[in-house]
Amino acid sequence: MPRARDHLAAACRRFSRVSDGIAPRSRIVCDVLSARSIRLAPPSNRKLPKRAPPLEYCESAAFGRLLSVFPCRMALARTNFATATCVARRDVVVVGASSGGVEALMTLIAGLPRDFGAAVFVALHTRPDAPSRLPAILNRAGQLPVAHAVDGEPIRRGRVYVATPGMQTSVQNGRIGVRRGPHENLHRPAIDPLFRTAAQHYGIRVIGIVLSGSMDDGSAGLHAIKKAGGLAIIQTPSDAAFPDMPANAATAVEPDYTLPVADLPKLLTELVGSEAPEIGGGQLRPETTLETDEEADGAEPVRHSDELGNVSVFTCPDCNGTLWEINSGERLRYRCRVGHAYSEDTMLKAQSDSVERALWAALRALEERETMMRKMAKHARRRGNGTLATMFEERSEQVAGDARTIHDVILMGRTLEPVQSDV
């Protein structure tokens, strides 16, 4: 048996070399299987150490082929891997920020050590038509290498990946997805898609962080992370330059930690690499899983719309399509057939923008109508038809009055404005 253990130890070293990157949740990599931990005793006494291959891999045909070359194959085949001990470690950190987020991100990244044992993903709301200098700023601020995320790039620990402007970023199968998906919460990149895909594919290994910002992007995504067994961290609202986003996140999910941003690097250093309490965590809602599958796979427009939720009475502010109402924890969300998605606050903001656009369009149409009637009145007078000219002049005055009313409504800001939710 000692020789068999030597063979097994060599096999495990080979396995550890091919699992250096961050594998998805379906293959939770816990480094190396220790031969000394195998006990050929009754199943109730057989345990694997904290360092072990993923459970799914142990039961796969690939692992069977690996063991087939070793004399200890039959002994291992009798080991019940399904009940063995396998400990996942937290090694995926996702961070969302908006207004005031650059300063907070600089403080966060500056405090992380060079040997930080997790991959860090950053989604910052940016203008799609402006070049992002955030990677260069964060590279100067800290010790970790920072770059924009690249589609299909393997995920590596000890690196910071910044969402590309004008693109949605997701994580799946040990790689990064960068696609020009639909806007979510009025933004691209948005925070929720990154958080949801991390929750779906990495579960309890994820640490989600919401920093300074306006509105409530990231709240639903942080709820998904918490539901999947991950950790939820929120910057103290009073510490944030713009407290709305962390405050809204705190109402959507009970955070595990609420700290000033200056204290987050020390906390993350302690949490990263620590053992998650158990394999599996909670289960995501079916509608969240459907959304995540569509986002991560870059699939066609949502094909299972009816499974996302109930059809609402609202239309999409972006494409005028039907909106489905999704119950994400304590807050409602809306999503259309092609993938535009809104939280309660961003839906109200989008409706406000839509109302203002409609008012400006109405004002333009009324002013054009007034101008046309005045031209017709002048033309009628030149032809000697004073009665017709007077009629056009009176009508133009009425239209001008309507235009002034709409103009005053626009200038007074009497359109719908987002309000802070109480739930």
Protein backbone atom coordinates (compact mmCIF):
# COMPACT_ATOMS: atom_id res chain seq x y z
CA MET A 1 0.00 0.00 0.00
CA PRO A 2 2.84 2.55 0.58
CA ARG A 3 3.72 2.22 -3.10
CA ALA A 4 0.09 2.84 -4.03
CA ARG A 5 0.10 5.96 -1.92
CA ASP A 6 3.22 7.21 -3.71
CA HIS A 7 1.48 6.69 -7.05
CA LEU A 8 -1.58 8.53 -5.81
CA ALA A 9 0.48 11.44 -4.50
CA ALA A 10 2.13 11.80 -7.91
CA ALA A 11 -1.28 11.78 -9.58
CA CYS A 12 -2.51 14.50 -7.26
CA ARG A 13 0.50 16.68 -8.03
CA ARG A 14 -0.35 16.36 -11.70
CA PHE A 15 -3.95 17.32 -10.97
CA SER A 16 -2.91 20.39 -8.99
CA ARG A 17 -0.82 21.70 -11.89
CA VAL A 18 -3.80 21.71 -14.26
CA SER A 19 -6.12 23.44 -11.80
CA ASP A 20 -4.19 26.64 -11.16
CA GLY A 21 -6.83 28.96 -12.60
CA ILE A 22 -10.22 29.63 -11.12
CA ALA A 23 -12.57 26.85 -12.11
CA PRO A 24 -16.34 27.38 -12.12
CA ARG A 25 -18.65 26.39 -9.33
CA SER A 26 -19.31 23.03 -10.99
CA ARG A 27 -15.63 22.19 -10.44
CA ILE A 28 -14.70 23.63 -7.08
CA VAL A 29 -10.94 23.26 -6.94
CA CYS A 30 -9.49 22.73 -3.46
CA ASP A 31 -5.90 22.17 -4.58
CA VAL A 32 -4.40 18.71 -3.96
CA LEU A 33 -5.66 15.37 -2.70
CA SER A 34 -3.40 14.09 0.08
CA ALA A 35 -2.68 10.37 -0.13
CA ARG A 36 -2.17 10.15 3.63
CA SER A 37 -5.77 11.20 4.21
CA ILE A 38 -7.25 8.13 2.49
CA ARG A 39 -8.39 5.54 4.99
CA LEU A 40 -9.47 2.13 3.79
CA ALA A 41 -11.77 1.83 6.79
CA PRO A 42 -15.57 1.61 6.72
CA PRO A 43 -17.23 4.44 4.75
CA SER A 44 -18.32 6.28 7.90
CA ASN A 45 -14.66 6.84 8.83
CA ARG A 46 -13.33 7.72 5.39
CA LYS A 47 -12.59 11.39 4.97
CA LEU A 48 -10.71 13.58 2.57
CA PRO A 49 -8.65 16.51 3.83
CA LYS A 50 -9.32 20.16 3.30
CA ARG A 51 -7.29 19.96 0.12
CA ALA A 52 -9.11 17.78 -2.36
CA PRO A 53 -10.18 17.63 -5.99
CA PRO A 54 -13.70 18.84 -6.83
CA LEU A 55 -16.45 16.42 -5.93
CA GLU A 56 -17.81 16.39 -9.47
CA TYR A 57 -14.36 15.63 -10.86
CA CYS A 58 -13.88 12.75 -8.43
CA GLU A 59 -17.01 11.12 -9.82
CA SER A 60 -16.21 11.83 -13.46
CA ALA A 61 -14.89 9.51 -16.14
CA ALA A 62 -11.78 11.69 -16.46
CA PHE A 63 -10.79 11.01 -12.86
CA GLY A 64 -11.49 7.33 -13.39
CA ARG A 65 -9.09 7.26 -16.33
CA LEU A 66 -6.48 9.07 -14.22
CA LEU A 67 -6.70 6.43 -11.50
CA SER A 68 -6.70 3.53 -13.93
CA VAL A 69 -2.92 3.61 -14.21
CA PHE A 70 -2.35 3.20 -10.48
CA PRO A 71 -2.45 0.04 -8.32
CA CYS A 72 -4.65 1.79 -5.74
CA ARG A 73 -7.48 2.27 -8.22
CA MET A 74 -9.85 -0.28 -6.67
CA ALA A 75 -9.29 1.01 -3.16
CA LEU A 76 -10.14 4.55 -4.26
CA ALA A 77 -13.10 3.36 -6.26
CA ARG A 78 -14.62 2.08 -3.03
CA THR A 79 -14.20 5.48 -1.35
CA ASN A 80 -17.45 7.42 -1.11
CA PHE A 81 -16.43 10.77 -2.63
CA ALA A 82 -20.00 12.05 -2.50
CA THR A 83 -19.81 12.17 1.31
CA ALA A 84 -16.15 13.18 1.51
CA THR A 85 -15.07 16.46 3.02
CA CYS A 86 -14.29 19.14 0.40
CA VAL A 87 -13.77 22.75 1.40
CA ALA A 88 -14.22 25.64 -1.03
CA ARG A 89 -12.26 28.83 -0.56
CA ARG A 90 -13.33 32.36 -1.33
CA ASP A 91 -11.36 33.47 -4.37
CA VAL A 92 -13.73 35.60 -6.50
CA VAL A 93 -14.32 39.25 -5.56
CA VAL A 94 -16.79 41.37 -7.54
CA VAL A 95 -17.02 45.12 -6.93
CA GLY A 96 -19.65 47.56 -8.16
CA ALA A 97 -19.36 51.35 -8.09
CA SER A 98 -20.77 54.42 -9.78
CA SER A 99 -20.55 58.12 -8.90
CA GLY A 100 -17.67 58.71 -6.50
CA GLY A 101 -16.45 55.19 -7.14
CA VAL A 102 -13.02 55.96 -8.59
CA GLU A 103 -11.67 57.30 -5.30
CA ALA A 104 -13.19 54.39 -3.39
CA LEU A 105 -11.70 51.88 -5.82
CA MET A 106 -8.26 53.48 -5.54
CA THR A 107 -8.40 53.12 -1.75
CA LEU A 108 -9.56 49.52 -2.02
CA ILE A 109 -7.00 48.36 -4.59
CA ALA A 110 -4.15 50.26 -2.91
CA GLY A 111 -4.56 48.20 0.25
CA LEU A 112 -4.54 44.74 -1.35
CA PRO A 113 -1.26 42.78 -1.08
CA ARG A 114 0.75 41.61 -4.07
CA ASP A 115 -0.01 37.97 -3.27
CA PHE A 116 -3.78 38.52 -2.99
CA GLY A 117 -5.36 35.12 -3.52
CA ALA A 118 -8.46 36.06 -5.50
CA ALA A 119 -9.48 37.46 -8.85
CA VAL A 120 -11.09 40.90 -8.57
CA PHE A 121 -13.74 42.13 -11.02
CA VAL A 122 -14.74 45.80 -11.11
CA ALA A 123 -17.87 47.21 -12.76
CA LEU A 124 -17.87 51.01 -12.77
CA HIS A 125 -20.57 53.01 -14.53
CA THR A 126 -18.84 54.86 -17.36
CA ARG A 127 -19.78 56.67 -20.54
CA PRO A 128 -19.60 54.32 -23.52
CA ASP A 129 -18.15 57.00 -25.81
CA ALA A 130 -15.28 57.99 -23.52
CA PRO A 131 -12.04 56.03 -23.11
CA SER A 132 -11.65 54.48 -19.68
CA ARG A 133 -8.41 55.22 -17.85
CA LEU A 134 -9.45 53.32 -14.76
CA PRO A 135 -6.97 50.43 -15.27
CA ALA A 136 -4.07 52.90 -15.49
CA ILE A 137 -5.30 54.75 -12.40
CA LEU A 138 -5.66 51.56 -10.36
CA ASN A 139 -2.31 50.22 -11.59
CA ARG A 140 -0.63 53.31 -10.16
CA ALA A 141 -2.62 53.05 -6.93
CA GLY A 142 -1.91 49.43 -5.99
CA GLN A 143 0.33 46.41 -6.42
CA LEU A 144 -1.99 44.11 -8.37
CA PRO A 145 -1.99 44.13 -12.19
CA VAL A 146 -5.13 45.81 -13.56
CA ALA A 147 -6.51 45.62 -17.10
CA HIS A 148 -9.77 45.80 -19.00
CA ALA A 149 -11.56 42.48 -19.23
CA VAL A 150 -11.13 40.62 -22.53
CA ASP A 151 -13.74 38.23 -23.88
CA GLY A 152 -12.68 34.62 -23.40
CA GLU A 153 -9.73 35.47 -21.17
CA PRO A 154 -8.98 32.85 -18.47
CA ILE A 155 -9.57 34.03 -14.93
CA ARG A 156 -6.45 34.21 -12.76
CA ARG A 157 -6.06 34.95 -9.10
CA GLY A 158 -4.12 38.05 -8.08
CA ARG A 159 -5.42 40.16 -10.96
CA VAL A 160 -7.98 42.94 -11.30
CA TYR A 161 -10.33 42.92 -14.29
CA VAL A 162 -12.18 46.17 -15.12
CA ALA A 163 -15.41 46.08 -17.13
CA THR A 164 -14.99 47.58 -20.60
CA PRO A 165 -17.03 50.75 -21.34
CA GLY A 166 -20.06 50.10 -23.51
CA MET A 167 -19.93 46.34 -22.84
CA GLN A 168 -21.53 43.97 -20.32
CA THR A 169 -19.11 41.76 -18.38
CA SER A 170 -19.88 38.28 -17.05
CA VAL A 171 -17.92 35.33 -15.65
CA GLN A 172 -18.47 31.67 -16.46
CA ASN A 173 -16.58 28.41 -16.86
CA GLY A 174 -13.31 29.91 -15.64
CA ARG A 175 -13.37 32.63 -18.31
CA ILE A 176 -14.57 36.19 -18.76
CA GLY A 177 -17.43 37.13 -21.06
CA VAL A 178 -17.44 40.61 -22.63
CA ARG A 179 -20.36 41.35 -24.93
CA ARG A 180 -22.36 44.31 -26.18
CA GLY A 181 -25.49 43.21 -24.39
CA PRO A 182 -28.59 45.31 -23.69
CA HIS A 183 -28.48 48.08 -21.12
CA GLU A 184 -29.39 47.10 -17.58
CA ASN A 185 -30.39 49.69 -15.00
CA LEU A 186 -29.67 52.27 -17.71
CA HIS A 187 -25.99 51.30 -17.82
CA ARG A 188 -23.54 49.30 -19.88
CA PRO A 189 -21.47 48.08 -18.13
CA ALA A 190 -23.95 47.39 -15.35
CA ILE A 191 -23.18 45.84 -11.97
CA ASP A 192 -26.04 43.36 -11.66
CA PRO A 193 -25.06 41.13 -14.65
CA LEU A 194 -21.53 40.69 -13.28
CA PHE A 195 -22.80 39.91 -9.79
CA ARG A 196 -25.47 37.47 -11.00
CA THR A 197 -23.14 35.44 -13.20
CA ALA A 198 -20.58 35.27 -10.39
CA ALA A 199 -23.28 33.99 -8.03
CA GLN A 200 -24.48 31.45 -10.58
CA HIS A 201 -21.09 29.97 -11.43
CA TYR A 202 -19.04 30.45 -8.24
CA GLY A 203 -21.61 30.42 -5.44
CA ILE A 204 -20.11 30.48 -1.95
CA ARG A 205 -16.68 31.42 -3.30
CA VAL A 206 -17.89 34.93 -4.19
CA ILE A 207 -17.46 38.12 -2.19
CA GLY A 208 -19.67 40.94 -3.51
CA ILE A 209 -18.94 44.59 -2.67
CA VAL A 210 -21.10 47.66 -3.37
CA LEU A 211 -19.34 51.03 -3.18
CA SER A 212 -20.32 54.66 -3.71
CA GLY A 213 -22.92 55.45 -6.35
CA SER A 214 -26.38 56.73 -7.23
CA MET A 215 -29.56 54.70 -7.80
CA ASP A 216 -29.65 50.98 -6.98
CA ASP A 217 -27.63 49.01 -9.52
CA GLY A 218 -25.95 46.10 -7.73
CA SER A 219 -28.74 45.52 -5.20
CA ALA A 220 -30.33 42.62 -7.08
CA GLY A 221 -26.92 41.17 -7.92
CA LEU A 222 -25.79 41.32 -4.30
CA HIS A 223 -29.03 39.59 -3.30
CA ALA A 224 -28.19 36.78 -5.76
CA ILE A 225 -24.68 36.43 -4.30
CA LYS A 226 -26.08 36.21 -0.80
CA LYS A 227 -28.72 33.71 -1.93
CA ALA A 228 -26.01 31.52 -3.47
CA GLY A 229 -24.05 31.47 -0.21
CA GLY A 230 -21.52 34.21 -0.95
CA LEU A 231 -20.59 37.17 1.23
CA ALA A 232 -22.18 40.62 0.88
CA ILE A 233 -20.11 43.68 1.81
CA ILE A 234 -21.34 47.28 1.64
CA GLN A 235 -19.43 50.51 2.02
CA THR A 236 -20.80 52.47 4.95
CA PRO A 237 -23.25 54.92 3.31
CA SER A 238 -21.98 57.83 5.41
CA ASP A 239 -18.46 57.05 4.15
CA ALA A 240 -19.53 57.08 0.48
CA ALA A 241 -19.44 60.22 -1.65
CA PHE A 242 -22.81 59.14 -3.07
CA PRO A 243 -24.61 56.98 -0.49
CA ASP A 244 -27.66 55.88 -2.51
CA MET A 245 -26.20 52.72 -4.00
CA PRO A 246 -24.82 51.21 -0.77
CA ALA A 247 -27.94 52.32 1.12
CA ASN A 248 -30.23 50.67 -1.42
CA ALA A 249 -28.12 47.51 -1.34
CA ALA A 250 -28.48 47.42 2.44
CA THR A 251 -32.27 47.42 2.09
CA ALA A 252 -32.19 44.66 -0.52
CA VAL A 253 -30.00 42.24 1.43
CA GLU A 254 -28.67 41.91 4.95
CA PRO A 255 -24.93 42.56 4.49
CA ASP A 256 -22.31 40.44 6.20
CA TYR A 257 -20.11 43.49 6.66
CA THR A 258 -20.69 47.26 6.45
CA LEU A 259 -17.41 49.15 6.67
CA PRO A 260 -15.67 52.33 5.49
CA VAL A 261 -13.76 51.69 2.30
CA ALA A 262 -10.43 52.22 4.08
CA ASP A 263 -11.11 49.13 6.21
CA LEU A 264 -12.07 46.86 3.31
CA PRO A 265 -8.55 45.80 2.15
CA LYS A 266 -7.70 44.30 5.55
CA LEU A 267 -11.06 42.50 5.71
CA LEU A 268 -10.69 41.11 2.18
CA THR A 269 -7.17 39.89 2.90
CA GLU A 270 -8.54 37.93 5.85
CA LEU A 271 -11.57 36.58 3.97
CA VAL A 272 -9.88 35.60 0.71
CA GLY A 273 -8.64 32.05 0.91
CA SER A 274 -10.70 31.37 4.01
CA GLU A 275 -12.84 28.28 4.05
CA ALA A 276 -16.46 28.70 3.05
CA PRO A 277 -18.72 27.08 5.64
CA GLU A 278 -20.21 24.44 3.37
CA ILE A 279 -20.45 23.28 -0.20
CA GLY A 280 -23.41 24.45 -2.21
CA GLY A 281 -24.87 27.43 -0.37
CA GLY A 282 -28.40 28.47 -1.23
CA GLN A 283 -30.24 28.06 -4.49
CA LEU A 284 -30.79 30.95 -6.87
CA ARG A 285 -34.30 31.75 -7.96
CA PRO A 286 -35.23 30.07 -11.29
CA GLU A 287 -35.79 33.45 -12.95
CA THR A 288 -32.34 34.61 -11.83
CA THR A 289 -30.79 31.48 -13.31
CA LEU A 290 -32.61 32.09 -16.61
CA GLU A 291 -31.33 35.67 -16.75
CA THR A 292 -27.80 34.54 -15.94
CA ASP A 293 -27.81 31.83 -18.60
CA GLU A 294 -28.90 34.34 -21.23
CA GLU A 295 -26.26 36.89 -20.17
CA ALA A 296 -23.34 34.51 -19.81
CA ASP A 297 -24.02 32.54 -22.97
CA GLY A 298 -24.61 35.59 -25.14
CA ALA A 299 -27.78 33.89 -26.27
CA GLU A 300 -30.56 35.13 -28.49
CA PRO A 301 -33.11 37.55 -27.01
CA VAL A 302 -34.84 36.06 -23.98
CA ARG A 303 -36.66 32.95 -25.17
CA HIS A 304 -38.23 32.02 -21.86
CA SER A 305 -39.81 35.36 -21.07
CA ASP A 306 -42.92 33.84 -19.50
CA GLU A 307 -40.72 31.95 -17.05
CA LEU A 308 -39.05 35.14 -15.83
CA GLY A 309 -42.19 36.43 -14.14
CA ASN A 310 -45.59 37.95 -14.81
CA VAL A 311 -46.37 40.19 -17.75
CA SER A 312 -46.64 43.77 -16.49
CA VAL A 313 -48.76 46.65 -17.76
CA PHE A 314 -45.61 48.63 -18.60
CA THR A 315 -43.60 48.89 -21.79
CA CYS A 316 -39.83 49.02 -22.10
CA PRO A 317 -38.58 52.64 -22.17
CA ASP A 318 -35.78 51.60 -24.56
CA CYS A 319 -37.58 49.47 -27.16
CA ASN A 320 -41.30 49.85 -26.27
CA GLY A 321 -41.62 46.08 -25.88
CA THR A 322 -43.51 44.20 -23.19
CA LEU A 323 -41.95 44.14 -19.73
CA TRP A 324 -42.01 41.14 -17.41
CA GLU A 325 -42.15 41.74 -13.67
CA ILE A 326 -39.51 39.82 -11.71
CA ASN A 327 -39.65 39.50 -7.94
CA SER A 328 -35.99 39.67 -6.85
CA GLY A 329 -36.08 39.38 -3.10
CA GLU A 330 -37.47 42.55 -1.52
CA ARG A 331 -37.53 44.55 -4.76
CA LEU A 332 -39.30 44.30 -8.07
CA ARG A 333 -37.39 44.28 -11.33
CA TYR A 334 -38.49 44.49 -14.94
CA ARG A 335 -37.05 42.88 -18.06
CA CYS A 336 -38.16 42.99 -21.68
CA ARG A 337 -37.97 40.35 -24.35
CA VAL A 338 -34.66 41.54 -25.77
CA GLY A 339 -32.97 41.90 -22.38
CA HIS A 340 -33.30 45.52 -21.25
CA ALA A 341 -33.67 45.35 -17.47
CA TYR A 342 -34.64 47.84 -14.79
CA SER A 343 -34.83 48.00 -11.03
CA GLU A 344 -37.67 49.94 -9.42
CA ASP A 345 -35.61 53.13 -9.19
CA THR A 346 -34.11 52.91 -12.66
CA MET A 347 -37.54 52.09 -14.12
CA LEU A 348 -38.90 55.28 -12.57
CA LYS A 349 -35.89 57.21 -13.87
CA ALA A 350 -36.35 55.75 -17.35
CA GLN A 351 -40.04 56.65 -17.29
CA SER A 352 -39.12 60.18 -16.22
CA ASP A 353 -36.70 60.46 -19.13
CA SER A 354 -39.33 59.04 -21.47
CA VAL A 355 -41.90 61.58 -20.28
CA GLU A 356 -39.43 64.41 -20.78
CA ARG A 357 -38.57 63.20 -24.28
CA ALA A 358 -42.28 63.05 -25.09
CA LEU A 359 -42.80 66.57 -23.75
CA TRP A 360 -39.91 67.94 -25.80
CA ALA A 361 -41.31 66.19 -28.86
CA ALA A 362 -44.75 67.67 -28.17
CA LEU A 363 -43.23 71.13 -27.68
CA ARG A 364 -41.36 70.85 -30.96
CA ALA A 365 -44.53 69.72 -32.78
CA LEU A 366 -46.60 72.57 -31.32
CA GLU A 367 -44.00 75.19 -32.20
CA GLU A 368 -43.82 73.85 -35.75
CA ARG A 369 -47.64 73.98 -35.95
CA GLU A 370 -47.67 77.58 -34.70
CA THR A 371 -45.04 78.59 -37.26
CA MET A 372 -46.99 76.88 -40.04
CA MET A 373 -50.25 78.65 -39.10
CA ARG A 374 -48.55 82.06 -39.03
CA LYS A 375 -47.14 81.42 -42.50
CA MET A 376 -50.61 80.43 -43.74
CA ALA A 377 -52.07 83.59 -42.17
CA LYS A 378 -49.53 85.79 -43.98
CA HIS A 379 -50.16 83.96 -47.24
CA ALA A 380 -53.94 84.45 -46.85
CA ARG A 381 -53.53 88.20 -46.25
CA ARG A 382 -51.35 88.55 -49.33
CA ARG A 383 -54.18 86.99 -51.30
CA GLY A 384 -56.67 89.43 -49.72
CA ASN A 385 -58.48 86.81 -47.63
CA GLY A 386 -58.54 88.59 -44.25
CA THR A 387 -61.12 86.27 -42.66
CA LEU A 388 -59.02 83.18 -43.28
CA ALA A 389 -55.89 85.00 -42.12
CA THR A 390 -57.57 86.00 -38.85
CA MET A 391 -58.69 82.42 -38.25
CA PHE A 392 -55.13 81.12 -38.69
CA GLU A 393 -53.74 83.83 -36.42
CA GLU A 394 -56.21 82.96 -33.64
CA ARG A 395 -55.39 79.28 -33.93
CA SER A 396 -51.67 80.00 -33.88
CA GLU A 397 -52.13 81.94 -30.61
CA GLN A 398 -53.93 78.96 -29.07
CA VAL A 399 -51.17 76.61 -30.14
CA ALA A 400 -48.54 79.03 -28.81
CA GLY A 401 -50.32 79.00 -25.45
CA ASP A 402 -50.26 75.19 -25.36
CA ALA A 403 -46.56 75.25 -26.23
CA ARG A 404 -45.83 77.69 -23.40
CA THR A 405 -47.67 75.43 -20.94
CA ILE A 406 -45.59 72.41 -21.92
CA HIS A 407 -42.42 74.51 -21.89
CA ASP A 408 -43.18 75.62 -18.33
CA VAL A 409 -43.82 72.02 -17.26
CA ILE A 410 -40.43 70.98 -18.62
CA LEU A 411 -38.55 73.89 -17.03
CA MET A 412 -40.27 73.41 -13.68
CA GLY A 413 -39.21 69.76 -13.65
CA ARG A 414 -42.71 68.49 -13.06
CA THR A 415 -41.86 65.08 -14.45
CA LEU A 416 -41.55 61.92 -12.41
CA GLU A 417 -38.35 61.76 -10.39
CA PRO A 418 -36.86 58.68 -8.69
CA VAL A 419 -37.65 58.39 -5.00
CA GLN A 420 -36.00 56.40 -2.26
CA SER A 421 -37.83 53.12 -1.70
CA ASP A 422 -38.93 52.18 1.81
CA VAL A 423 -38.51 48.44 1.19
